[in-house]
Amino acid sequence: RLNVNVMALDGDMILHGDPYNVLHSRAMAKHNMIITSDGSFSGAEVNNGFLYLHNCTPGGQVERVLREVILREMDVCRGGDAVFGANGSFWRPLDAAGITAGKHYIAFTGARDQKYYQDVLASAFCKRKVIQRMPYAAHKVLDAARFRQALAGDDVNQCSLFHDPPSRQALIDAAETGGSQPQPPWHELDLPLSRAGPGSVVPDRDGAALPG
């Protein structure tokens, strides 16, 4: 809305040159959200230690991704034991279905934003709500297949990949010949609408309405 491009850089990252030469190159300039990888060509494996937002549209997909990250963090930070503790509303339906069991208690002292970025981008890639990287609190999984299906879906590892990433051999061949490395095609973001109110309290991969 202010027509400003934003870069976020973790304190443990070092720039060895001017990043704008790359970020504003022809190959990169068409992308609105540039984020580092944690080692694979997957939206579920991003590392938000470096993030650059460029020419984003107000109310567009990038804004919706960031809004969803914040909503999920707020769910955890303000939900507390009533949601994620013993008999909390997040675990109650999973426990009742025999998918999980307690003891349930919040197992960390602060929100882990990278996990939210990974889950939200996986949601945008797979076009449904995905809760995979952030199970929020201590729990025991009784039925792993149903747990994965309820929170993420069986195909989450496949649908969160960038389209047709280069093979390992293609990358090796390019490095050995001095040629340019194949660029993984961009995966368009299509974040599903979130259910009104707290976005992560009840396992839900469908969504109904974008919170106002």
Protein backbone atom coordinates (compact mmCIF):
# COMPACT_ATOMS: atom_id res chain seq x y z
CA ARG A 1 0.00 0.00 0.00
CA LEU A 2 2.98 2.32 0.56
CA ASN A 3 4.64 1.16 -2.68
CA VAL A 4 7.75 0.06 -0.76
CA ASN A 5 9.77 -3.11 -1.40
CA VAL A 6 10.77 -4.86 1.83
CA MET A 7 13.79 -7.03 2.66
CA ALA A 8 14.07 -9.04 5.88
CA LEU A 9 17.48 -10.45 6.78
CA ASP A 10 18.37 -12.55 9.85
CA GLY A 11 21.26 -11.42 11.99
CA ASP A 12 23.21 -14.61 11.27
CA MET A 13 23.23 -14.03 7.50
CA ILE A 14 26.02 -12.16 5.68
CA LEU A 15 25.79 -10.37 2.34
CA HIS A 16 28.99 -10.58 0.30
CA GLY A 17 27.76 -8.16 -2.35
CA ASP A 18 24.89 -5.99 -3.49
CA PRO A 19 21.84 -8.31 -3.60
CA TYR A 20 19.80 -5.91 -5.71
CA ASN A 21 21.80 -6.75 -8.81
CA VAL A 22 20.31 -10.24 -8.56
CA LEU A 23 16.92 -9.38 -7.08
CA HIS A 24 16.20 -6.83 -9.82
CA SER A 25 17.59 -8.94 -12.63
CA ARG A 26 15.29 -9.97 -15.46
CA ALA A 27 14.98 -13.50 -14.08
CA MET A 28 13.99 -12.34 -10.58
CA ALA A 29 12.17 -9.07 -11.21
CA LYS A 30 8.90 -10.77 -12.19
CA HIS A 31 8.61 -12.50 -8.79
CA ASN A 32 6.88 -10.83 -5.86
CA MET A 33 8.19 -12.98 -3.01
CA ILE A 34 11.77 -14.25 -2.92
CA ILE A 35 12.70 -16.49 0.01
CA THR A 36 15.63 -18.80 0.69
CA SER A 37 15.41 -22.58 0.68
CA ASP A 38 16.31 -24.98 3.46
CA GLY A 39 17.66 -27.48 0.97
CA SER A 40 14.87 -28.63 -1.33
CA PHE A 41 12.66 -27.16 -4.05
CA SER A 42 9.60 -27.14 -1.82
CA GLY A 43 7.35 -24.54 -0.30
CA ALA A 44 7.39 -26.65 2.87
CA GLU A 45 11.19 -26.32 3.10
CA VAL A 46 11.70 -22.55 2.96
CA ASN A 47 13.96 -20.62 5.32
CA ASN A 48 12.75 -17.11 6.05
CA GLY A 49 16.22 -15.94 7.12
CA PHE A 50 16.12 -14.00 3.85
CA LEU A 51 12.90 -12.60 2.47
CA TYR A 52 12.36 -9.98 -0.23
CA LEU A 53 8.94 -8.63 -1.17
CA HIS A 54 8.87 -6.81 -4.47
CA ASN A 55 6.07 -5.01 -6.34
CA CYS A 56 3.38 -6.77 -4.31
CA THR A 57 -0.28 -6.01 -4.94
CA PRO A 58 -2.35 -4.78 -1.96
CA GLY A 59 -4.66 -7.62 -0.99
CA GLY A 60 -2.80 -10.02 -3.27
CA GLN A 61 -1.48 -13.49 -2.61
CA VAL A 62 1.73 -12.37 -0.87
CA GLU A 63 -0.23 -10.19 1.55
CA ARG A 64 -2.57 -13.10 2.23
CA VAL A 65 0.40 -15.38 2.93
CA LEU A 66 1.83 -12.91 5.44
CA ARG A 67 -1.57 -12.38 7.02
CA GLU A 68 -2.05 -16.11 7.43
CA VAL A 69 1.40 -16.46 9.05
CA ILE A 70 0.44 -13.78 11.59
CA LEU A 71 -2.99 -15.34 12.21
CA ARG A 72 -1.45 -18.72 12.96
CA GLU A 73 1.11 -17.18 15.29
CA MET A 74 -1.66 -15.29 17.10
CA ASP A 75 -3.65 -18.50 17.50
CA VAL A 76 -0.80 -20.10 19.40
CA CYS A 77 0.32 -17.07 21.38
CA ARG A 78 -3.15 -16.09 22.60
CA GLY A 79 -4.82 -19.50 22.59
CA GLY A 80 -2.82 -20.90 25.48
CA ASP A 81 -3.85 -23.95 27.43
CA ALA A 82 -7.55 -23.56 26.53
CA VAL A 83 -6.65 -24.40 22.96
CA PHE A 84 -3.42 -26.39 23.06
CA GLY A 85 -3.28 -27.70 26.63
CA ALA A 86 -5.06 -30.63 28.31
CA ASN A 87 -8.50 -31.10 26.72
CA GLY A 88 -7.83 -28.06 24.55
CA SER A 89 -10.03 -27.40 21.55
CA PHE A 90 -7.24 -28.14 19.03
CA TRP A 91 -6.56 -31.64 20.33
CA ARG A 92 -10.05 -32.60 21.51
CA PRO A 93 -11.41 -33.82 18.14
CA LEU A 94 -8.17 -35.67 17.34
CA ASP A 95 -8.14 -37.36 20.75
CA ALA A 96 -11.82 -38.28 20.44
CA ALA A 97 -11.17 -39.89 17.06
CA GLY A 98 -8.34 -42.00 18.47
CA ILE A 99 -5.75 -40.20 16.36
CA THR A 100 -3.80 -38.57 19.20
CA ALA A 101 -3.59 -38.72 22.98
CA GLY A 102 -2.23 -36.55 25.80
CA LYS A 103 -0.63 -35.42 27.91
CA HIS A 104 -1.04 -32.11 26.09
CA TYR A 105 0.87 -29.03 27.13
CA ILE A 106 2.44 -26.16 25.24
CA ALA A 107 5.93 -27.38 24.48
CA PHE A 108 7.72 -24.12 23.62
CA THR A 109 8.08 -20.60 24.93
CA GLY A 110 7.60 -18.60 21.74
CA ALA A 111 6.19 -18.74 18.24
CA ARG A 112 8.41 -20.30 15.57
CA ASP A 113 7.76 -18.17 12.54
CA GLN A 114 9.76 -20.26 10.06
CA LYS A 115 7.49 -23.24 10.72
CA TYR A 116 4.51 -21.03 9.97
CA TYR A 117 6.03 -19.81 6.72
CA GLN A 118 6.60 -23.44 5.71
CA ASP A 119 3.05 -24.49 6.55
CA VAL A 120 1.41 -21.44 4.97
CA LEU A 121 3.41 -21.73 1.74
CA ALA A 122 2.61 -25.45 1.63
CA SER A 123 -1.05 -24.43 2.02
CA ALA A 124 -0.69 -22.01 -0.89
CA PHE A 125 1.02 -24.63 -3.07
CA CYS A 126 -1.40 -27.45 -2.22
CA LYS A 127 -4.46 -25.13 -2.28
CA ARG A 128 -5.73 -26.26 1.13
CA LYS A 129 -4.89 -25.64 4.76
CA VAL A 130 -1.75 -27.52 5.79
CA ILE A 131 -0.59 -27.94 9.38
CA GLN A 132 2.55 -30.04 9.23
CA ARG A 133 5.57 -28.25 10.69
CA MET A 134 3.88 -26.85 13.78
CA PRO A 135 1.95 -29.33 15.93
CA TYR A 136 1.89 -26.64 18.63
CA ALA A 137 2.02 -28.76 21.78
CA ALA A 138 3.12 -32.04 23.30
CA HIS A 139 1.08 -35.00 22.09
CA LYS A 140 1.24 -38.70 21.32
CA VAL A 141 0.30 -39.86 17.83
CA LEU A 142 -1.76 -43.07 17.90
CA ASP A 143 -2.52 -43.29 14.18
CA ALA A 144 0.20 -41.66 12.06
CA ALA A 145 -1.61 -42.05 8.73
CA ARG A 146 -4.81 -40.42 9.96
CA PHE A 147 -2.85 -37.71 11.79
CA ARG A 148 -1.02 -36.77 8.59
CA GLN A 149 -4.24 -36.87 6.58
CA ALA A 150 -6.14 -34.72 9.09
CA LEU A 151 -3.53 -31.99 9.36
CA ALA A 152 -1.72 -31.96 6.04
CA GLY A 153 -2.91 -34.58 3.53
CA ASP A 154 -1.09 -37.63 2.21
CA ASP A 155 0.28 -35.83 -0.84
CA VAL A 156 1.67 -32.76 0.94
CA ASN A 157 5.30 -33.58 0.14
CA GLN A 158 4.49 -33.79 -3.57
CA CYS A 159 2.05 -30.92 -3.99
CA SER A 160 4.30 -28.47 -2.11
CA LEU A 161 7.17 -28.95 -4.60
CA PHE A 162 8.05 -26.32 -7.15
CA HIS A 163 6.88 -27.47 -10.57
CA ASP A 164 9.37 -29.81 -12.26
CA PRO A 165 12.52 -28.95 -10.28
CA PRO A 166 15.84 -29.76 -12.00
CA SER A 167 17.20 -33.19 -11.25
CA ARG A 168 20.30 -33.64 -9.12
CA GLN A 169 22.19 -34.85 -12.20
CA ALA A 170 21.18 -31.76 -14.16
CA LEU A 171 22.58 -29.55 -11.42
CA ILE A 172 25.83 -31.58 -11.33
CA ASP A 173 26.20 -31.47 -15.10
CA ALA A 174 25.65 -27.69 -15.16
CA ALA A 175 28.27 -27.16 -12.45
CA GLU A 176 30.85 -29.40 -14.16
CA THR A 177 30.45 -27.75 -17.56
CA GLY A 178 30.36 -24.24 -16.18
CA GLY A 179 26.93 -23.68 -17.63
CA SER A 180 24.05 -21.97 -15.90
CA GLN A 181 22.04 -24.04 -13.48
CA PRO A 182 18.48 -24.89 -14.51
CA GLN A 183 16.05 -22.57 -12.81
CA PRO A 184 13.11 -24.24 -11.03
CA PRO A 185 9.89 -22.84 -12.49
CA TRP A 186 7.94 -20.65 -10.08
CA HIS A 187 4.94 -22.15 -8.37
CA GLU A 188 2.00 -19.73 -8.35
CA LEU A 189 0.59 -19.12 -4.90
CA ASP A 190 -3.10 -19.86 -4.39
CA LEU A 191 -3.75 -19.67 -0.66
CA PRO A 192 -7.16 -21.08 0.31
CA LEU A 193 -9.46 -18.81 2.24
CA SER A 194 -9.17 -19.15 6.01
CA ARG A 195 -12.12 -19.89 8.25
CA ALA A 196 -13.27 -16.73 10.00
CA GLY A 197 -11.85 -16.38 13.49
CA PRO A 198 -8.80 -18.23 14.78
CA GLY A 199 -7.26 -20.01 11.81
CA SER A 200 -5.59 -23.02 13.40
CA VAL A 201 -7.71 -23.98 16.39
CA VAL A 202 -9.51 -26.90 14.77
CA PRO A 203 -7.95 -29.14 12.12
CA ASP A 204 -9.51 -27.84 8.92
CA ARG A 205 -8.14 -28.05 5.38
CA ASP A 206 -11.13 -26.51 3.58
CA GLY A 207 -11.67 -23.01 4.91
CA ALA A 208 -14.73 -20.85 4.44
CA ALA A 209 -14.17 -17.11 4.62
CA LEU A 210 -11.23 -14.75 4.71
CA PRO A 211 -11.05 -13.08 8.15
CA GLY A 212 -11.84 -9.40 8.02
